[in-house]
Amino acid sequence: MMKTKAGQTAFPAPVPPYPCWERRTYSLSRPVTEEDIGAFLGDQEMYVRENGSSPVIIIHKYGLLEMHFIVGKRDIEVWFSPDQAGWASEYLDALLMTRF
């Protein structure tokens, strides 16, 4: 369904939300929609970082991870604490499986 990938992404230069957080990019089965972002948002806060014509939508999930989306793109960027990598990875997989 999704896989971690290396290489070029549509995201601007990576800046971790917290020192030492690790970054992974995932390729999804289809492009991200605004409905997907609404479903992932829940009661969390959403931020927008301007990136030319494609703003990056940022959702911080419970201090476990931070998800970066660009509407219309199949790749997402995810940041997480290395101390909680196992738990954060399982949570991310479950979250993405609800939509992709």
C-alpha atoms as a PDB file:
ATOM      1  CA  MET A   1       0.000   0.000   0.000  1.00  0.00           C
ATOM      2  CA  MET A   2       2.692   2.518   0.957  1.00  0.00           C
ATOM      3  CA  LYS A   3       6.418   2.444   1.149  1.00  0.00           C
ATOM      4  CA  THR A   4       9.231   4.521   2.496  1.00  0.00           C
ATOM      5  CA  LYS A   5      11.310   6.043  -0.214  1.00  0.00           C
ATOM      6  CA  ALA A   6      14.483   8.002  -0.584  1.00  0.00           C
ATOM      7  CA  GLY A   7      15.414  10.684  -3.043  1.00  0.00           C
ATOM      8  CA  GLN A   8      13.805  13.876  -4.262  1.00  0.00           C
ATOM      9  CA  THR A   9      10.441  15.017  -2.941  1.00  0.00           C
ATOM     10  CA  ALA A  10       8.120  17.945  -3.586  1.00  0.00           C
ATOM     11  CA  PHE A  11       8.674  19.161  -0.031  1.00  0.00           C
ATOM     12  CA  PRO A  12      10.898  22.139   0.750  1.00  0.00           C
ATOM     13  CA  ALA A  13      14.190  21.705   2.586  1.00  0.00           C
ATOM     14  CA  PRO A  14      13.481  19.511   5.615  1.00  0.00           C
ATOM     15  CA  VAL A  15      13.309  21.222   8.994  1.00  0.00           C
ATOM     16  CA  PRO A  16      12.519  18.927  11.933  1.00  0.00           C
ATOM     17  CA  PRO A  17       9.695  20.079  14.223  1.00  0.00           C
ATOM     18  CA  TYR A  18      11.861  19.130  17.226  1.00  0.00           C
ATOM     19  CA  PRO A  19      15.614  18.546  17.519  1.00  0.00           C
ATOM     20  CA  CYS A  20      16.637  14.993  16.590  1.00  0.00           C
ATOM     21  CA  TRP A  21      13.274  14.018  15.065  1.00  0.00           C
ATOM     22  CA  GLU A  22      13.668  11.743  12.059  1.00  0.00           C
ATOM     23  CA  ARG A  23      12.092  12.197   8.634  1.00  0.00           C
ATOM     24  CA  ARG A  24      10.582   9.603   6.343  1.00  0.00           C
ATOM     25  CA  THR A  25       8.727  10.024   3.088  1.00  0.00           C
ATOM     26  CA  TYR A  26       5.984   7.676   1.960  1.00  0.00           C
ATOM     27  CA  SER A  27       4.505   7.079  -1.456  1.00  0.00           C
ATOM     28  CA  LEU A  28       0.751   6.528  -1.283  1.00  0.00           C
ATOM     29  CA  SER A  29      -1.552   4.603  -3.605  1.00  0.00           C
ATOM     30  CA  ARG A  30      -3.208   7.811  -4.849  1.00  0.00           C
ATOM     31  CA  PRO A  31      -2.826  11.592  -4.501  1.00  0.00           C
ATOM     32  CA  VAL A  32      -3.814  13.276  -1.238  1.00  0.00           C
ATOM     33  CA  THR A  33      -7.146  15.134  -1.258  1.00  0.00           C
ATOM     34  CA  GLU A  34      -8.543  17.865   0.977  1.00  0.00           C
ATOM     35  CA  GLU A  35     -10.969  15.258   2.325  1.00  0.00           C
ATOM     36  CA  ASP A  36      -8.016  13.099   3.422  1.00  0.00           C
ATOM     37  CA  ILE A  37      -6.514  16.032   5.274  1.00  0.00           C
ATOM     38  CA  GLY A  38      -9.836  16.731   6.995  1.00  0.00           C
ATOM     39  CA  ALA A  39     -10.084  13.089   8.068  1.00  0.00           C
ATOM     40  CA  PHE A  40      -6.535  13.073   9.461  1.00  0.00           C
ATOM     41  CA  LEU A  41      -6.950  16.414  11.211  1.00  0.00           C
ATOM     42  CA  GLY A  42      -9.581  15.365  13.748  1.00  0.00           C
ATOM     43  CA  ASP A  43      -9.219  17.656  16.757  1.00  0.00           C
ATOM     44  CA  GLN A  44      -5.551  18.421  16.071  1.00  0.00           C
ATOM     45  CA  GLU A  45      -4.127  21.707  14.829  1.00  0.00           C
ATOM     46  CA  MET A  46      -3.288  22.287  11.186  1.00  0.00           C
ATOM     47  CA  TYR A  47      -0.565  24.593   9.917  1.00  0.00           C
ATOM     48  CA  VAL A  48       0.176  25.717   6.387  1.00  0.00           C
ATOM     49  CA  ARG A  49       3.693  26.414   5.096  1.00  0.00           C
ATOM     50  CA  GLU A  50       3.855  28.253   1.798  1.00  0.00           C
ATOM     51  CA  ASN A  51       5.786  26.398  -0.876  1.00  0.00           C
ATOM     52  CA  GLY A  52       5.175  28.301  -4.069  1.00  0.00           C
ATOM     53  CA  SER A  53       1.938  27.194  -5.717  1.00  0.00           C
ATOM     54  CA  SER A  54       1.694  24.040  -3.563  1.00  0.00           C
ATOM     55  CA  PRO A  55       1.287  24.850   0.137  1.00  0.00           C
ATOM     56  CA  VAL A  56       2.393  22.179   2.608  1.00  0.00           C
ATOM     57  CA  ILE A  57      -0.347  21.170   5.057  1.00  0.00           C
ATOM     58  CA  ILE A  58       1.126  20.181   8.438  1.00  0.00           C
ATOM     59  CA  ILE A  59      -0.726  18.176  11.070  1.00  0.00           C
ATOM     60  CA  HIS A  60       0.912  17.467  14.425  1.00  0.00           C
ATOM     61  CA  LYS A  61      -0.538  14.271  15.939  1.00  0.00           C
ATOM     62  CA  TYR A  62      -0.440  13.974  19.731  1.00  0.00           C
ATOM     63  CA  GLY A  63       3.292  14.639  20.050  1.00  0.00           C
ATOM     64  CA  LEU A  64       3.988  11.326  18.286  1.00  0.00           C
ATOM     65  CA  LEU A  65       4.471  12.505  14.751  1.00  0.00           C
ATOM     66  CA  GLU A  66       4.046  15.365  12.363  1.00  0.00           C
ATOM     67  CA  MET A  67       2.546  14.723   8.926  1.00  0.00           C
ATOM     68  CA  HIS A  68       3.212  16.979   5.903  1.00  0.00           C
ATOM     69  CA  PHE A  69       0.882  16.817   2.896  1.00  0.00           C
ATOM     70  CA  ILE A  70       0.634  18.555  -0.458  1.00  0.00           C
ATOM     71  CA  VAL A  71      -2.847  18.253  -1.949  1.00  0.00           C
ATOM     72  CA  GLY A  72      -2.680  16.432  -5.270  1.00  0.00           C
ATOM     73  CA  LYS A  73       0.642  14.691  -4.551  1.00  0.00           C
ATOM     74  CA  ARG A  74       1.132  10.996  -3.752  1.00  0.00           C
ATOM     75  CA  ASP A  75       4.095  11.536  -1.437  1.00  0.00           C
ATOM     76  CA  ILE A  76       3.856  12.589   2.198  1.00  0.00           C
ATOM     77  CA  GLU A  77       6.577  13.562   4.632  1.00  0.00           C
ATOM     78  CA  VAL A  78       6.422  12.322   8.225  1.00  0.00           C
ATOM     79  CA  TRP A  79       8.561  13.371  11.191  1.00  0.00           C
ATOM     80  CA  PHE A  80       8.734  11.408  14.456  1.00  0.00           C
ATOM     81  CA  SER A  81      10.767  11.060  17.621  1.00  0.00           C
ATOM     82  CA  PRO A  82      13.340   8.266  17.358  1.00  0.00           C
ATOM     83  CA  ASP A  83      12.502   7.346  20.972  1.00  0.00           C
ATOM     84  CA  GLN A  84       8.936   6.553  19.910  1.00  0.00           C
ATOM     85  CA  ALA A  85       9.692   5.243  16.408  1.00  0.00           C
ATOM     86  CA  GLY A  86       7.985   1.876  16.887  1.00  0.00           C
ATOM     87  CA  TRP A  87       4.783   3.288  18.342  1.00  0.00           C
ATOM     88  CA  ALA A  88       4.694   6.207  15.901  1.00  0.00           C
ATOM     89  CA  SER A  89       5.203   3.888  12.917  1.00  0.00           C
ATOM     90  CA  GLU A  90       2.344   1.608  14.003  1.00  0.00           C
ATOM     91  CA  TYR A  91       0.081   4.614  14.580  1.00  0.00           C
ATOM     92  CA  LEU A  92       0.962   6.065  11.161  1.00  0.00           C
ATOM     93  CA  ASP A  93       0.312   2.758   9.399  1.00  0.00           C
ATOM     94  CA  ALA A  94      -3.102   2.454  11.059  1.00  0.00           C
ATOM     95  CA  LEU A  95      -3.944   6.054  10.252  1.00  0.00           C
ATOM     96  CA  LEU A  96      -2.969   5.795   6.586  1.00  0.00           C
ATOM     97  CA  MET A  97      -4.828   2.497   6.170  1.00  0.00           C
ATOM     98  CA  THR A  98      -8.091   4.274   6.999  1.00  0.00           C
ATOM     99  CA  ARG A  99      -7.772   6.366   3.811  1.00  0.00           C
ATOM    100  CA  PHE A 100      -5.320   4.644   1.467  1.00  0.00           C
END
